Protein backbone atom coordinates (compact mmCIF):
# COMPACT_ATOMS: atom_id res chain seq x y z
CA MET A 1 0.08 0.00 -0.01
CA THR A 2 1.46 3.39 -0.94
CA SER A 3 -0.07 6.90 -0.15
CA THR A 4 1.46 10.39 -0.18
CA LYS A 5 1.03 13.49 1.99
CA GLN A 6 2.37 16.67 0.87
CA TYR A 7 3.52 19.62 3.09
CA ASN A 8 5.05 22.74 1.57
CA LEU A 9 8.41 21.89 2.08
CA LEU A 10 8.25 18.09 2.98
CA SER A 11 6.74 15.11 0.96
CA VAL A 12 5.74 12.10 3.09
CA LYS A 13 5.11 8.86 1.17
CA MET A 14 4.18 5.57 3.02
CA LEU A 15 5.32 2.23 1.75
CA ASP A 16 3.13 -0.11 3.69
CA ASN A 17 4.72 0.44 7.17
CA ILE A 18 7.76 2.55 6.13
CA ALA A 19 7.53 6.26 5.87
CA LEU A 20 9.70 8.16 3.35
CA VAL A 21 10.18 11.73 4.44
CA THR A 22 11.85 13.90 1.68
CA LEU A 23 12.89 17.65 2.06
CA THR A 24 11.40 19.43 -0.89
CA ARG A 25 13.46 22.76 -1.02
CA PRO A 26 16.10 21.76 -3.67
CA ALA A 27 16.35 25.48 -5.01
CA LYS A 28 17.82 26.09 -1.58
CA ARG A 29 19.84 22.93 -1.33
CA ASN A 30 17.19 22.05 1.29
CA ALA A 31 18.44 24.74 3.74
CA ILE A 32 16.17 24.75 6.87
CA ASN A 33 13.96 27.83 7.61
CA LEU A 34 11.52 28.06 10.40
CA ASP A 35 8.70 26.73 8.05
CA LEU A 36 10.83 23.63 7.43
CA VAL A 37 11.50 23.23 11.09
CA SER A 38 7.78 23.46 11.77
CA GLU A 39 6.83 20.90 9.24
CA LEU A 40 9.38 18.50 10.48
CA ASN A 41 8.02 18.81 13.96
CA GLN A 42 4.43 18.31 12.86
CA CYS A 43 5.51 15.52 10.60
CA PHE A 44 7.21 13.22 13.03
CA GLN A 45 4.66 14.10 15.73
CA SER A 46 1.75 12.99 13.32
CA PHE A 47 2.87 9.38 12.74
CA SER A 48 0.72 6.73 13.64
CA GLU A 49 1.45 3.45 15.40
CA ASP A 50 1.42 1.87 12.04
CA VAL A 51 4.83 3.40 10.99
CA LYS A 52 7.43 1.06 12.03
CA ALA A 53 10.52 2.88 10.20
CA ILE A 54 11.15 6.21 8.80
CA ILE A 55 13.67 7.12 5.98
CA LEU A 56 14.87 10.91 5.72
CA ASN A 57 16.30 12.17 2.54
CA GLY A 58 16.37 15.38 0.42
CA GLU A 59 15.34 16.23 -3.12
CA GLY A 60 17.91 17.19 -5.68
CA GLU A 61 21.57 17.24 -5.26
CA HIS A 62 21.88 17.81 -1.65
CA PHE A 63 20.54 16.21 1.65
CA CYS A 64 20.58 19.54 3.50
CA ALA A 65 22.86 22.71 3.29
CA GLY A 66 22.06 23.90 6.99
CA LEU A 67 20.41 26.86 8.23
CA ASP A 68 18.76 29.40 6.06
CA LEU A 69 20.92 32.23 7.02
CA SER A 70 18.57 35.07 5.57
CA GLU A 71 16.22 34.32 8.62
CA VAL A 72 18.56 34.98 11.54
CA ARG A 73 20.77 37.95 10.59
CA GLU A 74 18.64 40.51 12.52
CA HIS A 75 17.65 38.34 15.52
CA THR A 76 17.96 39.58 19.00
CA VAL A 77 19.15 37.38 21.68
CA PRO A 78 15.55 36.26 22.90
CA GLN A 79 14.80 35.58 19.20
CA SER A 80 17.88 33.47 18.70
CA VAL A 81 17.19 31.34 21.86
CA LEU A 82 13.54 30.71 20.81
CA HIS A 83 14.94 29.87 17.22
CA SER A 84 17.38 27.33 18.61
CA ARG A 85 14.77 25.89 20.86
CA MET A 86 12.21 25.25 17.97
CA TRP A 87 15.07 23.24 16.24
CA HIS A 88 15.46 21.17 19.52
CA GLU A 89 11.93 20.48 19.76
CA ALA A 90 11.71 19.39 16.05
CA PHE A 91 14.72 17.29 16.20
CA ASN A 92 13.80 15.69 19.59
CA GLN A 93 10.67 14.47 17.56
CA ILE A 94 12.95 12.82 15.17
CA GLN A 95 15.44 11.06 17.81
CA PHE A 96 12.83 10.04 20.26
CA GLY A 97 9.75 9.81 18.14
CA ARG A 98 7.68 7.00 16.91
CA ALA A 99 10.10 4.83 14.88
CA PRO A 100 13.79 4.46 14.07
CA VAL A 101 14.92 7.00 11.41
CA ILE A 102 17.21 6.19 8.77
CA ALA A 103 18.97 9.32 7.14
CA VAL A 104 19.96 9.09 3.29
CA MET A 105 22.86 11.59 2.90
CA HIS A 106 24.21 12.94 -0.25
CA GLY A 107 25.96 16.21 -1.42
CA ALA A 108 26.04 18.97 1.30
CA VAL A 109 25.44 17.70 4.87
CA VAL A 110 26.53 21.01 6.34
CA GLY A 111 25.85 22.92 9.51
CA GLY A 112 22.23 22.59 10.46
CA GLY A 113 22.01 19.67 7.90
CA LEU A 114 24.54 17.70 9.90
CA GLU A 115 22.52 18.54 12.99
CA LEU A 116 19.67 17.18 11.50
CA ALA A 117 21.21 13.88 10.28
CA SER A 118 22.75 13.55 13.61
CA ALA A 119 19.27 13.27 15.15
CA THR A 120 18.63 10.05 13.17
CA HIS A 121 19.43 6.60 14.37
CA ILE A 122 21.19 5.14 11.36
CA ARG A 123 22.88 7.30 8.62
CA ILE A 124 23.71 6.13 4.89
CA ALA A 125 26.15 8.29 3.06
CA GLU A 126 26.40 8.16 -0.60
CA SER A 127 29.86 8.86 -1.92
CA SER A 128 28.92 12.38 -3.00
CA ALA A 129 28.18 13.46 0.74
CA PHE A 130 30.33 16.05 2.30
CA TYR A 131 30.17 17.43 5.83
CA ALA A 132 31.15 20.84 7.27
CA LEU A 133 30.39 23.07 10.18
CA PRO A 134 30.95 26.60 8.78
CA GLU A 135 29.31 28.25 11.69
CA GLY A 136 32.63 29.18 13.26
CA LYS A 137 33.85 31.18 10.13
CA ARG A 138 30.34 33.08 10.16
CA GLY A 139 30.41 34.23 13.58
CA LEU A 140 27.87 31.65 14.84
CA PHE A 141 27.55 28.63 17.08
CA VAL A 142 25.62 25.46 16.45
CA GLY A 143 21.91 25.74 17.75
CA GLY A 144 20.21 22.65 16.45
CA GLY A 145 21.47 20.31 18.95
CA GLY A 146 24.72 19.98 17.39
CA SER A 147 26.82 20.41 20.33
CA VAL A 148 25.20 17.40 21.95
CA ARG A 149 24.72 15.00 19.01
CA ILE A 150 27.46 15.73 16.54
CA SER A 151 30.11 15.85 19.47
CA ARG A 152 28.97 12.34 20.39
CA LEU A 153 29.09 11.04 16.88
CA MET A 154 32.66 12.23 15.72
CA GLY A 155 34.08 13.46 19.21
CA VAL A 156 34.44 16.94 20.73
CA ASN A 157 38.15 17.28 19.35
CA ARG A 158 37.09 16.59 15.52
CA MET A 159 34.06 18.77 16.04
CA THR A 160 36.12 21.79 17.38
CA ASP A 161 38.58 21.08 14.37
CA LEU A 162 35.53 21.65 12.01
CA MET A 163 34.20 24.68 13.42
CA LEU A 164 37.50 26.41 13.98
CA THR A 165 39.14 25.75 10.57
CA GLY A 166 36.13 25.22 8.26
CA ARG A 167 37.31 22.04 7.28
CA VAL A 168 35.08 19.99 4.65
CA LEU A 169 35.25 16.23 5.20
CA ASN A 170 34.40 13.91 2.27
CA ALA A 171 32.13 10.86 2.57
CA GLU A 172 34.99 8.42 3.21
CA GLU A 173 36.51 10.67 5.67
CA GLY A 174 32.82 10.86 7.55
CA GLN A 175 32.63 7.12 7.29
CA GLN A 176 35.97 6.53 9.25
CA ILE A 177 35.11 8.79 12.10
CA GLY A 178 31.47 7.57 12.46
CA VAL A 179 29.18 10.24 10.93
CA SER A 180 27.76 7.41 8.51
CA THR A 181 27.28 3.84 9.44
CA TYR A 182 26.99 2.66 5.79
CA LEU A 183 28.86 4.18 2.54
CA THR A 184 27.28 3.56 -1.01
CA GLU A 185 27.75 4.63 -4.52
CA PRO A 186 25.66 7.58 -5.83
CA GLY A 187 22.03 6.85 -6.07
CA LYS A 188 22.27 3.84 -4.21
CA GLY A 189 21.58 5.32 -0.66
CA LEU A 190 17.75 4.93 -0.73
CA GLU A 191 17.94 1.22 -1.83
CA LYS A 192 20.12 0.33 1.02
CA ALA A 193 17.88 2.49 3.32
CA MET A 194 14.61 0.61 2.15
CA GLU A 195 16.54 -2.81 2.87
CA LEU A 196 17.43 -1.65 6.48
CA ALA A 197 14.09 -0.20 7.21
CA LYS A 198 12.16 -3.45 6.32
CA GLY A 199 14.38 -5.37 8.55
CA ILE A 200 13.86 -2.74 11.27
CA ALA A 201 10.12 -2.90 10.78
CA SER A 202 10.27 -6.57 11.54
CA ASN A 203 11.65 -6.04 15.07
CA ALA A 204 9.74 -6.16 18.15
CA GLU A 205 8.43 -2.86 18.77
CA MET A 206 9.61 -2.69 22.39
CA THR A 207 13.09 -3.41 21.32
CA ASN A 208 13.01 -0.59 18.71
CA TYR A 209 11.72 1.55 21.60
CA ALA A 210 14.45 0.47 23.99
CA VAL A 211 17.14 1.08 21.46
CA MET A 212 15.92 4.59 20.39
CA HIS A 213 14.64 5.87 23.82
CA MET A 214 16.72 4.15 26.46
CA LEU A 215 20.07 3.40 25.04
CA PRO A 216 21.07 6.88 24.53
CA ARG A 217 19.82 8.01 28.29
CA ILE A 218 21.76 4.90 29.57
CA ALA A 219 24.78 5.98 27.81
CA ASP A 220 24.28 9.51 29.71
CA GLN A 221 24.08 7.75 33.27
CA ASN A 222 26.76 6.70 35.45
CA ILE A 223 27.91 3.15 35.20
CA GLN A 224 25.83 1.77 38.12
CA ASP A 225 22.63 3.72 37.18
CA GLY A 226 23.08 2.61 33.64
CA LEU A 227 23.29 -1.07 34.59
CA ALA A 228 20.22 -0.78 36.90
CA THR A 229 18.19 1.12 33.80
CA GLU A 230 19.44 -1.67 31.49
CA SER A 231 18.10 -4.52 33.81
CA LEU A 232 14.74 -2.92 33.87
CA MET A 233 14.62 -2.49 30.20
CA ALA A 234 15.70 -5.80 29.63
CA ALA A 235 13.03 -7.32 31.79
CA VAL A 236 10.31 -5.26 30.04
CA ALA A 237 11.62 -6.38 26.54
CA GLN A 238 12.01 -9.94 27.33
CA THR A 239 8.30 -10.18 28.65
CA ASP A 240 6.68 -8.30 25.89
CA PRO A 241 4.39 -10.66 23.78
CA ALA A 242 6.07 -9.77 20.46
CA THR A 243 9.47 -10.90 21.91
CA ARG A 244 8.17 -13.97 23.02
CA ARG A 245 6.76 -14.82 19.66
CA LEU A 246 10.01 -14.02 17.97
CA LEU A 247 12.04 -16.06 20.49
CA ALA A 248 9.43 -19.11 19.93
CA GLU A 249 9.93 -18.76 16.22
CA PHE A 250 13.84 -18.73 16.45
CA LEU A 251 13.85 -21.53 18.90
CA ASP A 252 11.42 -23.49 16.67
CA GLN A 253 13.71 -23.11 13.74
CA LYS A 254 16.84 -23.94 15.56
CA LYS A 255 15.12 -27.20 16.87
CA ASN A 256 13.96 -28.20 13.34
CA LYS A 257 17.56 -27.51 11.92
CA VAL A 258 19.06 -29.68 14.63
CA GLN A 259 16.62 -32.38 13.90
CA ARG A 260 17.14 -32.39 10.10
CA SER A 261 20.83 -32.57 10.65
């Protein structure tokens, strides 16, 4: 079953239980303005429980070239804080939302575009992808969650280097330092994303929830608190009916395989 919902700056196509979300501002290299932030927030809040995996990509030659600077050049301090917090709210909906999100990155993944990608759970880079944090060269500082998320992906030292020097990383360099988890040829990223999304959609929903919502929080806890939280989450997951069904299927297959051999 396929259906499509059109926002002004987003397109959402449902492919059975997988949602394909596309940034549709190619003339601006999918730069993020307030309207796009608002639509991302609305979009990721609106997914029903039928959605089991989400793919995020960009129309045209680039994934996302970051913040639309024309909107913020005259901001006051209160306006800038509010602007940043709107990004935080939208990107939190991506990271801690309904279902795991896979980003397909190509062309520019720059500034706010890298912040957007870092809010997703799996990142696929096509070989055309390149990464930069030019804020430091423009008198700016990251405001879309990058200081929290990007620093965890590549490390504070590498993020510092990108912001102070304006250095640009290519797709291979990004793969080596953990920005992407998969690297494909041009035009192959969406195919890989669909393959992964189908597998993710077949997981027990509670397991996907634990990985999305609890794993990053456990990572922020001290060791003993993290271990206690892990035990509780493991108990919840292991007693979930969907998990019991999957375990029964696995054990039956294993038993049948042993009997045949």
